């Protein structure tokens, strides 16, 4: 028997927990609504204790969390949620509470970095050294792998808050990010679509003008990511991207906006394979948590067989 890991996708709406080693080896899975930290983490800890008794000792736990979070291992608040607007969760020591209760080493990262890790190991970016995963849904967030390593830095990437061109004649909507107004998330998230058009995204027909506008903003983001990080692939997921006609629109506008400057065949001739949907779907987050745990125990680089 190989190593067995605990994975936690910690979301503002729900927690998803799994025991296993990957998509083909999931021994157990559970979902809990995100209520108070005490109640939610109590259910998480009870779940993994039961699974340990049934399947044997777990080797490590990975947590892919909503944020913002502190990822600096040298910081006294490493593993904590920081300024999250989720009531009751600000400054919660998520990694510490779980790790102490389960007596396991903890790998801790953002939910989108976890999803990027999973797509790189098992999904749409498998075998690539540098790529980006962006989720477009209730919010917009992104994770990046650069030369085989998850990108951190000053804090962690906040791709949803990049500034994109906003033609107020074509789109007079002011944006709804409480910090930046018309950043990418403020203009192109699911709630922004609903606020602009008065209907939720899933209620809009395929020929609604919302989708051309959405593609325009997401293409601007793809251009920014392409010229800044030079990824080998851009994976776009999340609830809004379930509208499949967005992909060809985004690809076309990305190539037009790049205007021949980036001469890689991936963009010029093969853009259908450059901007792609995730292969793991809604499982990317919890699989990413398992991948974080496996990476912690092995010490391997992301794209080197982990």
Protein backbone atom coordinates (compact mmCIF):
# COMPACT_ATOMS: atom_id res chain seq x y z
CA UNK A 1 0.00 0.00 0.00
CA UNK A 2 1.25 3.44 -0.89
CA UNK A 3 0.96 6.62 1.15
CA UNK A 4 -2.48 7.89 2.09
CA UNK A 5 -3.31 11.56 2.39
CA UNK A 6 -6.01 13.80 3.80
CA UNK A 7 -7.17 16.61 1.55
CA UNK A 8 -9.30 19.61 2.54
CA UNK A 9 -10.76 22.08 0.08
CA UNK A 10 -11.73 24.87 2.46
CA UNK A 11 -14.33 27.13 0.89
CA UNK A 12 -16.39 30.01 2.11
CA UNK A 13 -19.57 28.05 1.33
CA UNK A 14 -18.50 24.45 1.94
CA UNK A 15 -15.58 22.26 2.97
CA UNK A 16 -14.78 19.20 0.86
CA UNK A 17 -12.69 16.48 2.50
CA UNK A 18 -11.15 13.44 0.87
CA UNK A 19 -8.85 10.57 1.74
CA UNK A 20 -6.70 8.99 -0.95
CA UNK A 21 -3.72 9.62 -3.17
CA UNK A 22 -5.26 10.93 -6.39
CA UNK A 23 -8.25 10.85 -8.75
CA UNK A 24 -8.00 7.09 -9.22
CA UNK A 25 -7.59 6.40 -5.50
CA UNK A 26 -10.24 8.20 -3.47
CA UNK A 27 -11.18 6.09 -0.45
CA UNK A 28 -13.71 8.48 1.10
CA UNK A 29 -15.15 11.95 0.55
CA UNK A 30 -17.41 14.26 2.54
CA UNK A 31 -18.84 17.77 2.22
CA UNK A 32 -19.82 20.10 5.04
CA UNK A 33 -21.37 23.56 4.94
CA UNK A 34 -19.04 26.28 6.18
CA UNK A 35 -20.61 27.45 9.43
CA UNK A 36 -18.50 28.53 12.41
CA UNK A 37 -14.83 27.53 12.61
CA UNK A 38 -15.51 25.42 15.69
CA UNK A 39 -18.35 23.46 14.14
CA UNK A 40 -16.87 23.10 10.67
CA UNK A 41 -13.37 22.12 11.74
CA UNK A 42 -14.82 19.79 14.36
CA UNK A 43 -16.65 17.89 11.61
CA UNK A 44 -13.51 17.86 9.45
CA UNK A 45 -11.38 16.44 12.26
CA UNK A 46 -13.97 13.81 13.18
CA UNK A 47 -14.18 12.72 9.54
CA UNK A 48 -10.44 12.17 9.21
CA UNK A 49 -10.15 10.42 12.55
CA UNK A 50 -12.83 7.95 11.42
CA UNK A 51 -11.09 7.43 8.10
CA UNK A 52 -7.77 6.83 9.82
CA UNK A 53 -9.33 4.10 11.91
CA UNK A 54 -10.87 2.51 8.81
CA UNK A 55 -8.08 2.88 6.26
CA UNK A 56 -4.95 3.16 8.39
CA UNK A 57 -2.79 6.06 9.45
CA UNK A 58 -2.72 9.08 7.16
CA UNK A 59 0.67 10.42 6.09
CA UNK A 60 -0.06 14.15 5.75
CA UNK A 61 -2.88 16.62 5.29
CA UNK A 62 -3.15 19.20 2.53
CA UNK A 63 -5.38 22.26 2.83
CA UNK A 64 -6.37 24.34 -0.20
CA UNK A 65 -8.14 27.31 1.33
CA UNK A 66 -10.21 30.34 0.52
CA UNK A 67 -8.46 33.49 1.58
CA UNK A 68 -6.71 35.72 1.97
CA UNK A 69 -4.27 33.49 3.85
CA UNK A 70 -0.75 33.74 5.26
CA UNK A 71 1.62 31.42 3.36
CA UNK A 72 4.89 32.66 4.83
CA UNK A 73 6.41 29.76 6.78
CA UNK A 74 8.47 32.24 8.81
CA UNK A 75 5.42 34.20 9.89
CA UNK A 76 3.79 33.59 13.29
CA UNK A 77 0.43 33.58 11.50
CA UNK A 78 1.39 31.03 8.84
CA UNK A 79 -1.57 28.81 8.06
CA UNK A 80 -4.09 31.42 9.18
CA UNK A 81 -6.88 33.01 7.27
CA UNK A 82 -6.21 36.73 7.47
CA UNK A 83 -8.64 39.46 6.44
CA UNK A 84 -11.35 37.24 4.99
CA UNK A 85 -14.83 38.81 4.91
CA UNK A 86 -16.36 35.45 5.87
CA UNK A 87 -17.99 36.20 9.26
CA UNK A 88 -16.19 34.58 12.16
CA UNK A 89 -13.28 33.21 10.12
CA UNK A 90 -10.81 36.10 10.08
CA UNK A 91 -7.50 35.14 11.75
CA UNK A 92 -8.51 31.48 12.16
CA UNK A 93 -5.47 29.21 12.54
CA UNK A 94 -6.75 26.70 10.02
CA UNK A 95 -3.53 24.74 9.48
CA UNK A 96 -2.61 24.73 13.16
CA UNK A 97 -5.98 23.52 14.43
CA UNK A 98 -6.17 20.68 11.91
CA UNK A 99 -2.52 19.66 12.18
CA UNK A 100 -2.52 19.52 15.98
CA UNK A 101 -5.78 17.60 16.17
CA UNK A 102 -4.73 15.00 13.61
CA UNK A 103 -1.04 14.99 14.64
CA UNK A 104 -0.02 15.27 10.99
CA UNK A 105 2.26 17.53 8.97
CA UNK A 106 0.25 20.14 7.05
CA UNK A 107 0.68 21.56 3.55
CA UNK A 108 -1.24 24.81 3.22
CA UNK A 109 -1.97 26.97 0.18
CA UNK A 110 -4.70 28.85 -1.61
CA UNK A 111 -7.60 26.99 -3.20
CA UNK A 112 -6.58 28.18 -6.68
CA UNK A 113 -2.94 27.21 -6.21
CA UNK A 114 -4.20 23.81 -5.12
CA UNK A 115 -6.36 23.52 -8.21
CA UNK A 116 -3.41 24.56 -10.38
CA UNK A 117 -1.29 21.88 -8.74
CA UNK A 118 -3.93 19.22 -9.41
CA UNK A 119 -4.36 20.25 -13.06
CA UNK A 120 -0.59 20.09 -13.47
CA UNK A 121 -0.31 16.65 -11.96
CA UNK A 122 -3.40 14.93 -13.36
CA UNK A 123 -5.29 17.33 -15.60
CA UNK A 124 -5.20 19.91 -18.37
CA UNK A 125 -1.64 21.11 -17.68
CA UNK A 126 -0.06 17.72 -17.11
CA UNK A 127 3.61 17.63 -18.06
CA UNK A 128 4.01 21.41 -18.29
CA UNK A 129 6.48 23.39 -16.21
CA UNK A 130 4.79 26.82 -16.36
CA UNK A 131 1.04 27.37 -16.51
CA UNK A 132 -1.84 29.29 -14.98
CA UNK A 133 -5.19 28.17 -13.58
CA UNK A 134 -7.94 30.81 -13.25
CA UNK A 135 -11.37 30.23 -11.78
CA UNK A 136 -14.27 32.51 -12.77
CA UNK A 137 -17.26 32.18 -10.50
CA UNK A 138 -18.48 33.89 -7.34
CA UNK A 139 -15.07 35.54 -7.37
CA UNK A 140 -12.10 35.36 -9.70
CA UNK A 141 -8.83 33.87 -8.54
CA UNK A 142 -5.77 32.35 -10.09
CA UNK A 143 -2.92 30.04 -9.26
CA UNK A 144 0.36 29.78 -11.14
CA UNK A 145 3.08 27.21 -11.48
CA UNK A 146 6.36 28.70 -12.71
CA UNK A 147 9.22 26.37 -13.66
CA UNK A 148 7.65 23.59 -11.64
CA UNK A 149 6.98 25.57 -8.47
CA UNK A 150 3.85 27.19 -7.10
CA UNK A 151 4.11 30.96 -7.31
CA UNK A 152 3.98 32.79 -3.98
CA UNK A 153 5.97 35.93 -3.21
CA UNK A 154 4.96 38.98 -1.21
CA UNK A 155 1.67 37.29 -0.29
CA UNK A 156 0.03 35.14 -2.96
CA UNK A 157 -1.26 35.91 -6.45
CA UNK A 158 -4.56 37.79 -6.59
CA UNK A 159 -5.22 37.50 -10.31
CA UNK A 160 -8.85 38.48 -9.95
CA UNK A 161 -7.79 41.95 -8.92
CA UNK A 162 -5.71 42.81 -11.97
CA UNK A 163 -6.87 45.95 -13.74
CA UNK A 164 -8.22 45.47 -17.25
CA UNK A 165 -9.29 48.03 -19.88
CA UNK A 166 -12.79 49.29 -19.15
CA UNK A 167 -14.56 51.20 -21.92
CA UNK A 168 -17.27 53.00 -20.00
CA UNK A 169 -19.13 53.92 -23.18
CA UNK A 170 -19.49 50.26 -24.11
CA UNK A 171 -19.93 49.13 -20.49
CA UNK A 172 -21.09 51.85 -18.10
CA UNK A 173 -21.27 49.35 -15.22
CA UNK A 174 -19.03 50.73 -12.46
CA UNK A 175 -17.87 47.34 -11.19
CA UNK A 176 -18.54 45.95 -7.77
CA UNK A 177 -15.26 45.06 -6.13
CA UNK A 178 -15.38 46.78 -2.72
CA UNK A 179 -11.66 47.53 -2.97
CA UNK A 180 -11.04 48.36 -6.64
CA UNK A 181 -14.41 48.81 -8.31
CA UNK A 182 -13.71 47.77 -11.88
CA UNK A 183 -10.88 45.26 -11.49
CA UNK A 184 -11.30 41.94 -13.30
CA UNK A 185 -13.38 40.43 -10.48
CA UNK A 186 -15.45 43.58 -10.19
CA UNK A 187 -16.33 43.42 -13.88
CA UNK A 188 -16.37 39.73 -14.82
CA UNK A 189 -17.27 37.56 -11.80
CA UNK A 190 -20.63 35.84 -11.57
CA UNK A 191 -22.04 38.45 -9.17
CA UNK A 192 -20.81 41.24 -11.46
CA UNK A 193 -22.67 39.68 -14.39
CA UNK A 194 -25.83 39.43 -12.30
CA UNK A 195 -25.54 43.00 -11.03
CA UNK A 196 -24.93 44.41 -14.51
CA UNK A 197 -27.73 42.54 -16.30
CA UNK A 198 -30.23 41.97 -13.50
CA UNK A 199 -30.15 38.18 -13.98
CA UNK A 200 -27.79 35.45 -12.85
CA UNK A 201 -25.28 34.27 -15.42
CA UNK A 202 -26.87 30.84 -15.75
CA UNK A 203 -30.18 32.48 -16.67
CA UNK A 204 -28.79 34.41 -19.64
CA UNK A 205 -29.24 32.90 -23.12
CA UNK A 206 -26.22 32.00 -25.22
CA UNK A 207 -26.81 34.93 -27.60
CA UNK A 208 -26.98 37.53 -24.82
CA UNK A 209 -24.47 40.43 -25.20
CA UNK A 210 -23.14 39.59 -21.74
CA UNK A 211 -20.98 36.84 -23.20
CA UNK A 212 -19.12 39.01 -25.71
CA UNK A 213 -18.38 41.48 -22.93
CA UNK A 214 -17.31 38.70 -20.58
CA UNK A 215 -14.98 37.30 -23.23
CA UNK A 216 -13.48 40.75 -23.73
CA UNK A 217 -12.50 41.05 -20.06
CA UNK A 218 -11.25 37.49 -19.76
CA UNK A 219 -9.22 37.86 -22.94
CA UNK A 220 -7.61 40.98 -21.49
CA UNK A 221 -6.70 38.92 -18.43
CA UNK A 222 -5.30 36.12 -20.60
CA UNK A 223 -3.15 38.65 -22.46
CA UNK A 224 -1.82 40.09 -19.19
CA UNK A 225 -0.98 36.63 -17.88
CA UNK A 226 0.64 35.65 -21.18
CA UNK A 227 2.99 38.62 -21.33
CA UNK A 228 3.80 38.68 -17.59
CA UNK A 229 4.23 34.98 -16.74
CA UNK A 230 4.68 33.45 -20.23
CA UNK A 231 2.69 30.32 -19.32
CA UNK A 232 2.68 27.31 -21.59
CA UNK A 233 -1.09 27.01 -21.02
CA UNK A 234 -3.93 29.00 -19.48
CA UNK A 235 -6.64 26.88 -17.83
CA UNK A 236 -9.96 28.69 -17.27
CA UNK A 237 -12.44 27.06 -14.90
CA UNK A 238 -15.23 27.95 -12.50
CA UNK A 239 -18.97 28.21 -12.80
CA UNK A 240 -19.04 31.04 -15.35
CA UNK A 241 -16.77 29.06 -17.68
CA UNK A 242 -19.34 26.27 -17.85
CA UNK A 243 -20.79 28.39 -20.67
CA UNK A 244 -18.73 26.65 -23.37
CA UNK A 245 -19.14 29.30 -26.07
CA UNK A 246 -16.89 31.58 -24.03
CA UNK A 247 -13.73 29.67 -24.94
CA UNK A 248 -13.66 30.43 -28.70
CA UNK A 249 -14.57 34.06 -28.01
CA UNK A 250 -11.76 34.41 -25.47
CA UNK A 251 -9.24 32.67 -27.71
CA UNK A 252 -10.08 34.90 -30.68
CA UNK A 253 -9.87 38.13 -28.70
CA UNK A 254 -6.66 37.03 -26.95
CA UNK A 255 -4.94 36.45 -30.27
CA UNK A 256 -6.27 39.73 -31.64
CA UNK A 257 -5.10 41.67 -28.59
CA UNK A 258 -1.63 40.11 -28.70
CA UNK A 259 -1.53 41.38 -32.30
CA UNK A 260 1.35 39.19 -33.40
CA UNK A 261 3.71 40.27 -30.64
CA UNK A 262 4.01 36.85 -28.97
CA UNK A 263 5.19 34.66 -31.83
CA UNK A 264 4.92 31.25 -30.20
CA UNK A 265 2.97 28.72 -32.30
CA UNK A 266 0.95 27.99 -29.15
CA UNK A 267 -0.70 31.40 -29.52
CA UNK A 268 -0.43 31.99 -33.27
CA UNK A 269 -1.48 28.57 -34.59
CA UNK A 270 -2.64 26.39 -31.67
CA UNK A 271 -4.58 28.69 -29.37
CA UNK A 272 -7.34 26.09 -28.96
CA UNK A 273 -4.78 24.10 -26.95
CA UNK A 274 -3.42 27.17 -25.17
CA UNK A 275 -6.60 28.46 -23.48
CA UNK A 276 -8.45 25.40 -22.27
CA UNK A 277 -11.04 24.19 -19.75
CA UNK A 278 -9.90 22.21 -16.70
CA UNK A 279 -9.77 18.44 -17.02
CA UNK A 280 -10.64 17.77 -13.37
CA UNK A 281 -13.76 19.91 -13.20
CA UNK A 282 -15.15 20.53 -9.74
CA UNK A 283 -12.76 18.00 -8.18
CA UNK A 284 -9.68 20.16 -8.85
CA UNK A 285 -9.74 21.83 -5.43
CA UNK A 286 -9.85 18.76 -3.21
CA UNK A 287 -7.48 16.86 -5.52
CA UNK A 288 -5.17 19.82 -5.25
CA UNK A 289 -5.25 19.47 -1.48
CA UNK A 290 -4.22 15.82 -1.79
CA UNK A 291 -1.45 16.85 -4.19
CA UNK A 292 -0.23 19.44 -1.69
CA UNK A 293 0.02 16.75 0.97
CA UNK A 294 1.85 14.38 -1.38
CA UNK A 295 4.26 17.14 -2.38
CA UNK A 296 4.99 17.91 1.26
CA UNK A 297 5.86 14.31 2.04
CA UNK A 298 7.91 13.70 -1.10
CA UNK A 299 9.60 17.09 -1.41
CA UNK A 300 9.34 16.72 -5.19
CA UNK A 301 8.78 19.44 -7.74
CA UNK A 302 5.31 19.72 -9.18
CA UNK A 303 6.02 18.68 -12.75
CA UNK A 304 8.73 16.14 -12.03
CA UNK A 305 6.61 13.14 -11.14
CA UNK A 306 5.79 14.32 -7.61
